[in-house]
Amino acid sequence: MRLVLNLLWIVLGGGLVIFLEYLLGGLLLCLTVVGIPFGAQCFKVAGLGLMPFGKEIVRAPSAGAVSFGLNIVWLVFAGIWIFISHIVLAVGLAVSVIGIPFAIQHIKLAALALAPFGKEIRLAR
């Protein structure tokens, strides 16, 4: 079932576009030494953006003050805008019954877009 939902997500839910956007953003951020940690987070979100069904976001055991500081920088410069875009997409998809599972995945991505540092993506149980 997860495979079917992920394939539908790629085609109908905007998964391919989200994946490519995060991938491009990560590549651009990795062009500078300062942007490498932020680019790595873009790659992490890109992987979840391509196939979000069957995955969960958990707090990393090593999350600490550095993660908090990096999340603040991320939030100010990019996170809030990415969050808003995922919420708008979620509202648009939630209008139809078929789009509700996709809207839930956009909410999951929106939460990760606010603070990606100190989070891990694991397979759901």
C-alpha atoms as a PDB file:
ATOM      1  CA  MET A   1       0.000   0.000   0.000  1.00  0.00           C
ATOM      2  CA  ARG A   2       2.869   2.359   0.802  1.00  0.00           C
ATOM      3  CA  LEU A   3       4.325   1.852  -2.650  1.00  0.00           C
ATOM      4  CA  VAL A   4       1.016   2.680  -4.338  1.00  0.00           C
ATOM      5  CA  LEU A   5       0.553   5.799  -2.203  1.00  0.00           C
ATOM      6  CA  ASN A   6       4.127   6.918  -2.868  1.00  0.00           C
ATOM      7  CA  LEU A   7       3.684   6.467  -6.627  1.00  0.00           C
ATOM      8  CA  LEU A   8       0.422   8.426  -6.532  1.00  0.00           C
ATOM      9  CA  TRP A   9       2.191  11.070  -4.410  1.00  0.00           C
ATOM     10  CA  ILE A  10       4.912  11.464  -7.037  1.00  0.00           C
ATOM     11  CA  VAL A  11       2.355  11.953  -9.803  1.00  0.00           C
ATOM     12  CA  LEU A  12      -0.609  13.664  -8.120  1.00  0.00           C
ATOM     13  CA  GLY A  13       0.643  15.071  -4.828  1.00  0.00           C
ATOM     14  CA  GLY A  14       3.545  17.078  -6.196  1.00  0.00           C
ATOM     15  CA  GLY A  15       6.241  14.742  -4.887  1.00  0.00           C
ATOM     16  CA  LEU A  16       8.470  14.951  -7.943  1.00  0.00           C
ATOM     17  CA  VAL A  17       8.345  18.758  -8.006  1.00  0.00           C
ATOM     18  CA  ILE A  18       9.078  18.994  -4.272  1.00  0.00           C
ATOM     19  CA  PHE A  19      11.958  16.540  -4.609  1.00  0.00           C
ATOM     20  CA  LEU A  20      13.507  18.521  -7.470  1.00  0.00           C
ATOM     21  CA  GLU A  21      13.076  21.841  -5.628  1.00  0.00           C
ATOM     22  CA  TYR A  22      14.788  20.584  -2.477  1.00  0.00           C
ATOM     23  CA  LEU A  23      17.495  18.879  -4.537  1.00  0.00           C
ATOM     24  CA  LEU A  24      18.245  22.070  -6.465  1.00  0.00           C
ATOM     25  CA  GLY A  25      18.205  24.116  -3.253  1.00  0.00           C
ATOM     26  CA  GLY A  26      20.591  21.681  -1.604  1.00  0.00           C
ATOM     27  CA  LEU A  27      22.967  21.775  -4.542  1.00  0.00           C
ATOM     28  CA  LEU A  28      23.002  25.576  -4.555  1.00  0.00           C
ATOM     29  CA  LEU A  29      23.570  25.738  -0.802  1.00  0.00           C
ATOM     30  CA  CYS A  30      26.442  23.269  -1.010  1.00  0.00           C
ATOM     31  CA  LEU A  31      28.332  25.607  -3.333  1.00  0.00           C
ATOM     32  CA  THR A  32      29.531  27.528  -0.274  1.00  0.00           C
ATOM     33  CA  VAL A  33      31.202  26.140   2.829  1.00  0.00           C
ATOM     34  CA  VAL A  34      28.749  27.982   5.085  1.00  0.00           C
ATOM     35  CA  GLY A  35      25.762  26.543   3.213  1.00  0.00           C
ATOM     36  CA  ILE A  36      26.800  22.876   3.393  1.00  0.00           C
ATOM     37  CA  PRO A  37      24.907  22.058   6.636  1.00  0.00           C
ATOM     38  CA  PHE A  38      21.787  23.685   5.206  1.00  0.00           C
ATOM     39  CA  GLY A  39      22.221  21.884   1.887  1.00  0.00           C
ATOM     40  CA  ALA A  40      22.457  18.569   3.735  1.00  0.00           C
ATOM     41  CA  GLN A  41      19.104  19.314   5.372  1.00  0.00           C
ATOM     42  CA  CYS A  42      17.613  20.059   1.958  1.00  0.00           C
ATOM     43  CA  PHE A  43      18.772  16.641   0.773  1.00  0.00           C
ATOM     44  CA  LYS A  44      17.173  15.024   3.828  1.00  0.00           C
ATOM     45  CA  VAL A  45      13.853  16.751   3.159  1.00  0.00           C
ATOM     46  CA  ALA A  46      14.139  15.928  -0.562  1.00  0.00           C
ATOM     47  CA  GLY A  47      14.264  12.227   0.236  1.00  0.00           C
ATOM     48  CA  LEU A  48      11.171  12.510   2.386  1.00  0.00           C
ATOM     49  CA  GLY A  49       9.501  14.714  -0.209  1.00  0.00           C
ATOM     50  CA  LEU A  50       9.895  12.067  -2.891  1.00  0.00           C
ATOM     51  CA  MET A  51       8.437   9.150  -0.905  1.00  0.00           C
ATOM     52  CA  PRO A  52       6.832  10.292   2.379  1.00  0.00           C
ATOM     53  CA  PHE A  53       4.391   7.439   2.968  1.00  0.00           C
ATOM     54  CA  GLY A  54       5.637   4.889   5.473  1.00  0.00           C
ATOM     55  CA  LYS A  55       8.167   7.246   7.054  1.00  0.00           C
ATOM     56  CA  GLU A  56       8.135   9.170  10.293  1.00  0.00           C
ATOM     57  CA  ILE A  57      10.103  12.095  11.670  1.00  0.00           C
ATOM     58  CA  VAL A  58      11.712  11.614  15.087  1.00  0.00           C
ATOM     59  CA  ARG A  59      13.980  13.728  17.240  1.00  0.00           C
ATOM     60  CA  ALA A  60      17.619  12.722  16.910  1.00  0.00           C
ATOM     61  CA  PRO A  61      19.277  11.659  20.158  1.00  0.00           C
ATOM     62  CA  SER A  62      22.213  13.954  19.387  1.00  0.00           C
ATOM     63  CA  ALA A  63      20.053  17.083  18.949  1.00  0.00           C
ATOM     64  CA  GLY A  64      21.311  19.894  21.131  1.00  0.00           C
ATOM     65  CA  ALA A  65      22.169  23.571  21.254  1.00  0.00           C
ATOM     66  CA  VAL A  66      23.909  23.590  17.873  1.00  0.00           C
ATOM     67  CA  SER A  67      20.830  22.100  16.214  1.00  0.00           C
ATOM     68  CA  PHE A  68      18.680  24.709  17.916  1.00  0.00           C
ATOM     69  CA  GLY A  69      20.883  27.546  16.656  1.00  0.00           C
ATOM     70  CA  LEU A  70      20.968  26.211  13.116  1.00  0.00           C
ATOM     71  CA  ASN A  71      17.178  25.790  13.197  1.00  0.00           C
ATOM     72  CA  ILE A  72      16.801  29.464  14.111  1.00  0.00           C
ATOM     73  CA  VAL A  73      18.956  30.526  11.136  1.00  0.00           C
ATOM     74  CA  TRP A  74      17.061  28.098   8.869  1.00  0.00           C
ATOM     75  CA  LEU A  75      13.686  29.386  10.099  1.00  0.00           C
ATOM     76  CA  VAL A  76      14.535  33.036   9.521  1.00  0.00           C
ATOM     77  CA  PHE A  77      15.995  32.658   6.040  1.00  0.00           C
ATOM     78  CA  ALA A  78      14.045  29.777   4.487  1.00  0.00           C
ATOM     79  CA  GLY A  79      11.932  27.715   6.858  1.00  0.00           C
ATOM     80  CA  ILE A  80       8.954  30.019   7.203  1.00  0.00           C
ATOM     81  CA  TRP A  81       8.528  30.357   3.425  1.00  0.00           C
ATOM     82  CA  ILE A  82       8.836  26.627   2.834  1.00  0.00           C
ATOM     83  CA  PHE A  83       6.382  26.028   5.683  1.00  0.00           C
ATOM     84  CA  ILE A  84       3.839  28.394   4.142  1.00  0.00           C
ATOM     85  CA  SER A  85       4.139  26.749   0.723  1.00  0.00           C
ATOM     86  CA  HIS A  86       3.498  23.283   2.186  1.00  0.00           C
ATOM     87  CA  ILE A  87       0.495  24.567   4.157  1.00  0.00           C
ATOM     88  CA  VAL A  88      -0.991  26.176   1.037  1.00  0.00           C
ATOM     89  CA  LEU A  89      -0.521  22.935  -0.902  1.00  0.00           C
ATOM     90  CA  ALA A  90      -2.064  20.963   1.985  1.00  0.00           C
ATOM     91  CA  VAL A  91      -5.141  23.188   2.062  1.00  0.00           C
ATOM     92  CA  GLY A  92      -5.535  22.890  -1.695  1.00  0.00           C
ATOM     93  CA  LEU A  93      -5.289  19.113  -1.588  1.00  0.00           C
ATOM     94  CA  ALA A  94      -7.557  18.736   1.447  1.00  0.00           C
ATOM     95  CA  VAL A  95     -10.505  20.098  -0.527  1.00  0.00           C
ATOM     96  CA  SER A  96     -11.124  16.690  -2.075  1.00  0.00           C
ATOM     97  CA  VAL A  97     -11.418  13.373  -0.279  1.00  0.00           C
ATOM     98  CA  ILE A  98      -8.775  11.832  -2.532  1.00  0.00           C
ATOM     99  CA  GLY A  99      -6.310  14.602  -1.672  1.00  0.00           C
ATOM    100  CA  ILE A 100      -6.542  14.240   2.118  1.00  0.00           C
ATOM    101  CA  PRO A 101      -3.704  11.670   2.461  1.00  0.00           C
ATOM    102  CA  PHE A 102      -1.507  13.942   0.356  1.00  0.00           C
ATOM    103  CA  ALA A 103      -2.462  16.958   2.472  1.00  0.00           C
ATOM    104  CA  ILE A 104      -1.389  15.062   5.590  1.00  0.00           C
ATOM    105  CA  GLN A 105       2.007  14.416   4.012  1.00  0.00           C
ATOM    106  CA  HIS A 106       2.380  18.120   3.204  1.00  0.00           C
ATOM    107  CA  ILE A 107       1.646  18.893   6.872  1.00  0.00           C
ATOM    108  CA  LYS A 108       4.403  16.434   7.841  1.00  0.00           C
ATOM    109  CA  LEU A 109       6.798  18.129   5.418  1.00  0.00           C
ATOM    110  CA  ALA A 110       5.761  21.564   6.701  1.00  0.00           C
ATOM    111  CA  ALA A 111       6.661  20.588  10.261  1.00  0.00           C
ATOM    112  CA  LEU A 112      10.060  19.352   9.097  1.00  0.00           C
ATOM    113  CA  ALA A 113      10.578  22.507   7.005  1.00  0.00           C
ATOM    114  CA  LEU A 114      10.311  24.658  10.130  1.00  0.00           C
ATOM    115  CA  ALA A 115      13.139  22.922  11.988  1.00  0.00           C
ATOM    116  CA  PRO A 116      15.013  20.170  10.108  1.00  0.00           C
ATOM    117  CA  PHE A 117      18.149  20.111  12.272  1.00  0.00           C
ATOM    118  CA  GLY A 118      18.103  17.501  15.013  1.00  0.00           C
ATOM    119  CA  LYS A 119      15.484  15.364  13.264  1.00  0.00           C
ATOM    120  CA  GLU A 120      15.823  11.908  11.740  1.00  0.00           C
ATOM    121  CA  ILE A 121      13.615  10.216   9.176  1.00  0.00           C
ATOM    122  CA  ARG A 122      12.863   6.563   9.864  1.00  0.00           C
ATOM    123  CA  LEU A 123      10.610   3.915   8.441  1.00  0.00           C
ATOM    124  CA  ALA A 124       7.306   3.856  10.268  1.00  0.00           C
ATOM    125  CA  ARG A 125       6.503   0.824  12.319  1.00  0.00           C
END
